[in-house]
Amino acid sequence: MNVVLWIIQVLLALLFLFAGGMKLILPIEEMTKQMPMPGLFLRFIGVCEVLGALGLILPGLLRIRPGLTPLAAAGLVIIMIGATVLTLPSGNVGSALMSLVAGILAAFVAYGRWRLVAARR
């Protein structure tokens, strides 16, 4: 189970590093053309995604405060719920489905890591 969780964590971290990094690098005007949301809010989401990606990997890798990993995954679940809800009305089912799957995987990591941290206490 630990190996499966690590594989999912690494894949999710890569996904969120890419998505969050793009939200931090792209010009605000270009992002708001694609997503009708305030530019600073998109930057905030980008920061949250990058920090969540780091939170999926670093606590377990460095063995410092591993209880932060399920919290990071839970935060990413919240972001993916919002992404799914905001993407569905635009008719872009593919993007909504990808957000939903990422959210389900993040929920799996949150639950799995929470159970492992609780079992060690």
C-alpha atoms as a PDB file:
ATOM      1  CA  MET A   1       0.000   0.000   0.000  1.00  0.00           C
ATOM      2  CA  ASN A   2       2.870   2.355   0.812  1.00  0.00           C
ATOM      3  CA  VAL A   3       4.347   1.885  -2.675  1.00  0.00           C
ATOM      4  CA  VAL A   4       0.993   2.571  -4.346  1.00  0.00           C
ATOM      5  CA  LEU A   5       0.565   5.726  -2.276  1.00  0.00           C
ATOM      6  CA  TRP A   6       4.059   6.933  -3.205  1.00  0.00           C
ATOM      7  CA  ILE A   7       3.427   6.358  -6.917  1.00  0.00           C
ATOM      8  CA  ILE A   8       0.169   8.306  -6.776  1.00  0.00           C
ATOM      9  CA  GLN A   9       1.789  11.049  -4.695  1.00  0.00           C
ATOM     10  CA  VAL A  10       4.633  11.520  -7.180  1.00  0.00           C
ATOM     11  CA  LEU A  11       2.239  11.605 -10.148  1.00  0.00           C
ATOM     12  CA  LEU A  12      -0.062  14.076  -8.411  1.00  0.00           C
ATOM     13  CA  ALA A  13       2.903  16.209  -7.346  1.00  0.00           C
ATOM     14  CA  LEU A  14       4.115  16.400 -10.948  1.00  0.00           C
ATOM     15  CA  LEU A  15       0.618  17.291 -12.147  1.00  0.00           C
ATOM     16  CA  PHE A  16       0.142  20.027  -9.553  1.00  0.00           C
ATOM     17  CA  LEU A  17       3.664  21.408  -9.967  1.00  0.00           C
ATOM     18  CA  PHE A  18       2.977  21.780 -13.675  1.00  0.00           C
ATOM     19  CA  ALA A  19      -0.530  23.228 -13.273  1.00  0.00           C
ATOM     20  CA  GLY A  20       0.443  25.572 -10.464  1.00  0.00           C
ATOM     21  CA  GLY A  21       3.666  26.597 -12.162  1.00  0.00           C
ATOM     22  CA  MET A  22       1.781  27.526 -15.312  1.00  0.00           C
ATOM     23  CA  LYS A  23      -0.621  29.662 -13.275  1.00  0.00           C
ATOM     24  CA  LEU A  24       2.373  31.480 -11.811  1.00  0.00           C
ATOM     25  CA  ILE A  25       4.269  31.937 -15.088  1.00  0.00           C
ATOM     26  CA  LEU A  26       1.550  32.796 -17.623  1.00  0.00           C
ATOM     27  CA  PRO A  27       0.467  36.415 -17.948  1.00  0.00           C
ATOM     28  CA  ILE A  28      -2.754  37.152 -16.075  1.00  0.00           C
ATOM     29  CA  GLU A  29      -4.490  38.411 -19.222  1.00  0.00           C
ATOM     30  CA  GLU A  30      -3.893  35.115 -21.014  1.00  0.00           C
ATOM     31  CA  MET A  31      -5.118  33.058 -18.071  1.00  0.00           C
ATOM     32  CA  THR A  32      -8.305  35.061 -17.657  1.00  0.00           C
ATOM     33  CA  LYS A  33      -9.123  34.479 -21.345  1.00  0.00           C
ATOM     34  CA  GLN A  34      -9.083  30.727 -20.715  1.00  0.00           C
ATOM     35  CA  MET A  35     -10.722  30.850 -17.272  1.00  0.00           C
ATOM     36  CA  PRO A  36     -13.190  33.642 -16.468  1.00  0.00           C
ATOM     37  CA  MET A  37     -11.881  34.248 -12.946  1.00  0.00           C
ATOM     38  CA  PRO A  38      -9.958  37.077 -11.280  1.00  0.00           C
ATOM     39  CA  GLY A  39      -6.260  36.952 -12.157  1.00  0.00           C
ATOM     40  CA  LEU A  40      -5.012  37.261  -8.584  1.00  0.00           C
ATOM     41  CA  PHE A  41      -7.287  34.402  -7.543  1.00  0.00           C
ATOM     42  CA  LEU A  42      -5.736  32.240 -10.268  1.00  0.00           C
ATOM     43  CA  ARG A  43      -2.264  33.171  -8.960  1.00  0.00           C
ATOM     44  CA  PHE A  44      -3.400  32.204  -5.451  1.00  0.00           C
ATOM     45  CA  ILE A  45      -4.639  28.830  -6.732  1.00  0.00           C
ATOM     46  CA  GLY A  46      -1.272  28.361  -8.477  1.00  0.00           C
ATOM     47  CA  VAL A  47       0.602  28.988  -5.220  1.00  0.00           C
ATOM     48  CA  CYS A  48      -1.705  26.561  -3.396  1.00  0.00           C
ATOM     49  CA  GLU A  49      -1.155  23.885  -6.059  1.00  0.00           C
ATOM     50  CA  VAL A  50       2.641  24.229  -5.920  1.00  0.00           C
ATOM     51  CA  LEU A  51       2.654  24.152  -2.109  1.00  0.00           C
ATOM     52  CA  GLY A  52       0.280  21.172  -2.142  1.00  0.00           C
ATOM     53  CA  ALA A  53       2.578  19.320  -4.547  1.00  0.00           C
ATOM     54  CA  LEU A  54       5.545  19.964  -2.263  1.00  0.00           C
ATOM     55  CA  GLY A  55       3.439  18.874   0.706  1.00  0.00           C
ATOM     56  CA  LEU A  56       2.694  15.554  -0.982  1.00  0.00           C
ATOM     57  CA  ILE A  57       6.393  14.701  -1.309  1.00  0.00           C
ATOM     58  CA  LEU A  58       8.662  16.537   1.120  1.00  0.00           C
ATOM     59  CA  PRO A  59       7.293  15.448   4.532  1.00  0.00           C
ATOM     60  CA  GLY A  60       7.598  11.764   3.661  1.00  0.00           C
ATOM     61  CA  LEU A  61      10.869  12.152   1.810  1.00  0.00           C
ATOM     62  CA  LEU A  62      12.560  14.133   4.583  1.00  0.00           C
ATOM     63  CA  ARG A  63      10.735  12.250   7.357  1.00  0.00           C
ATOM     64  CA  ILE A  64       9.785  15.545   8.969  1.00  0.00           C
ATOM     65  CA  ARG A  65       6.166  15.989  10.077  1.00  0.00           C
ATOM     66  CA  PRO A  66       4.634  13.237   7.871  1.00  0.00           C
ATOM     67  CA  GLY A  67       1.217  14.268   9.186  1.00  0.00           C
ATOM     68  CA  LEU A  68       1.361  17.217   6.791  1.00  0.00           C
ATOM     69  CA  THR A  69       1.023  14.966   3.732  1.00  0.00           C
ATOM     70  CA  PRO A  70      -2.643  14.067   4.319  1.00  0.00           C
ATOM     71  CA  LEU A  71      -3.375  17.737   4.992  1.00  0.00           C
ATOM     72  CA  ALA A  72      -1.744  18.755   1.703  1.00  0.00           C
ATOM     73  CA  ALA A  73      -3.711  16.069  -0.129  1.00  0.00           C
ATOM     74  CA  ALA A  74      -6.957  17.230   1.522  1.00  0.00           C
ATOM     75  CA  GLY A  75      -6.244  20.796   0.435  1.00  0.00           C
ATOM     76  CA  LEU A  76      -5.738  19.612  -3.123  1.00  0.00           C
ATOM     77  CA  VAL A  77      -9.062  17.747  -2.921  1.00  0.00           C
ATOM     78  CA  ILE A  78     -10.763  21.049  -2.091  1.00  0.00           C
ATOM     79  CA  ILE A  79      -9.085  22.725  -5.067  1.00  0.00           C
ATOM     80  CA  MET A  80     -10.141  19.887  -7.379  1.00  0.00           C
ATOM     81  CA  ILE A  81     -13.745  20.036  -6.158  1.00  0.00           C
ATOM     82  CA  GLY A  82     -13.761  23.706  -7.097  1.00  0.00           C
ATOM     83  CA  ALA A  83     -12.140  22.993 -10.452  1.00  0.00           C
ATOM     84  CA  THR A  84     -14.710  20.305 -11.248  1.00  0.00           C
ATOM     85  CA  VAL A  85     -17.664  22.471 -10.233  1.00  0.00           C
ATOM     86  CA  LEU A  86     -16.420  25.471 -12.224  1.00  0.00           C
ATOM     87  CA  THR A  87     -15.502  23.451 -15.316  1.00  0.00           C
ATOM     88  CA  LEU A  88     -18.748  21.469 -15.700  1.00  0.00           C
ATOM     89  CA  PRO A  89     -21.057  24.406 -16.609  1.00  0.00           C
ATOM     90  CA  SER A  90     -18.738  25.447 -19.451  1.00  0.00           C
ATOM     91  CA  GLY A  91     -19.412  22.112 -21.157  1.00  0.00           C
ATOM     92  CA  ASN A  92     -15.791  20.997 -21.008  1.00  0.00           C
ATOM     93  CA  VAL A  93     -16.492  17.487 -19.708  1.00  0.00           C
ATOM     94  CA  GLY A  94     -12.947  16.233 -20.366  1.00  0.00           C
ATOM     95  CA  SER A  95     -11.358  18.847 -18.115  1.00  0.00           C
ATOM     96  CA  ALA A  96     -14.007  18.315 -15.449  1.00  0.00           C
ATOM     97  CA  LEU A  97     -13.390  14.564 -15.536  1.00  0.00           C
ATOM     98  CA  MET A  98      -9.627  15.054 -15.228  1.00  0.00           C
ATOM     99  CA  SER A  99     -10.169  17.357 -12.227  1.00  0.00           C
ATOM    100  CA  LEU A 100     -12.510  14.805 -10.685  1.00  0.00           C
ATOM    101  CA  VAL A 101     -10.009  11.954 -11.106  1.00  0.00           C
ATOM    102  CA  ALA A 102      -7.183  14.058  -9.653  1.00  0.00           C
ATOM    103  CA  GLY A 103      -9.422  14.926  -6.710  1.00  0.00           C
ATOM    104  CA  ILE A 104     -10.322  11.278  -6.103  1.00  0.00           C
ATOM    105  CA  LEU A 105      -6.647  10.294  -6.209  1.00  0.00           C
ATOM    106  CA  ALA A 106      -5.778  13.098  -3.787  1.00  0.00           C
ATOM    107  CA  ALA A 107      -8.576  11.911  -1.472  1.00  0.00           C
ATOM    108  CA  PHE A 108      -7.155   8.380  -1.649  1.00  0.00           C
ATOM    109  CA  VAL A 109      -3.713   9.712  -0.670  1.00  0.00           C
ATOM    110  CA  ALA A 110      -5.190  11.812   2.145  1.00  0.00           C
ATOM    111  CA  TYR A 111      -7.061   8.829   3.572  1.00  0.00           C
ATOM    112  CA  GLY A 112      -4.210   6.348   3.081  1.00  0.00           C
ATOM    113  CA  ARG A 113      -1.556   8.595   4.612  1.00  0.00           C
ATOM    114  CA  TRP A 114      -3.861   9.617   7.450  1.00  0.00           C
ATOM    115  CA  ARG A 115      -4.414   5.938   8.283  1.00  0.00           C
ATOM    116  CA  LEU A 116      -0.662   5.238   8.191  1.00  0.00           C
ATOM    117  CA  VAL A 117       0.136   8.234  10.397  1.00  0.00           C
ATOM    118  CA  ALA A 118      -2.627   7.274  12.843  1.00  0.00           C
ATOM    119  CA  ALA A 119      -1.378   3.671  12.965  1.00  0.00           C
ATOM    120  CA  ARG A 120       2.110   4.814  14.007  1.00  0.00           C
ATOM    121  CA  ARG A 121       0.769   6.653  17.075  1.00  0.00           C
END
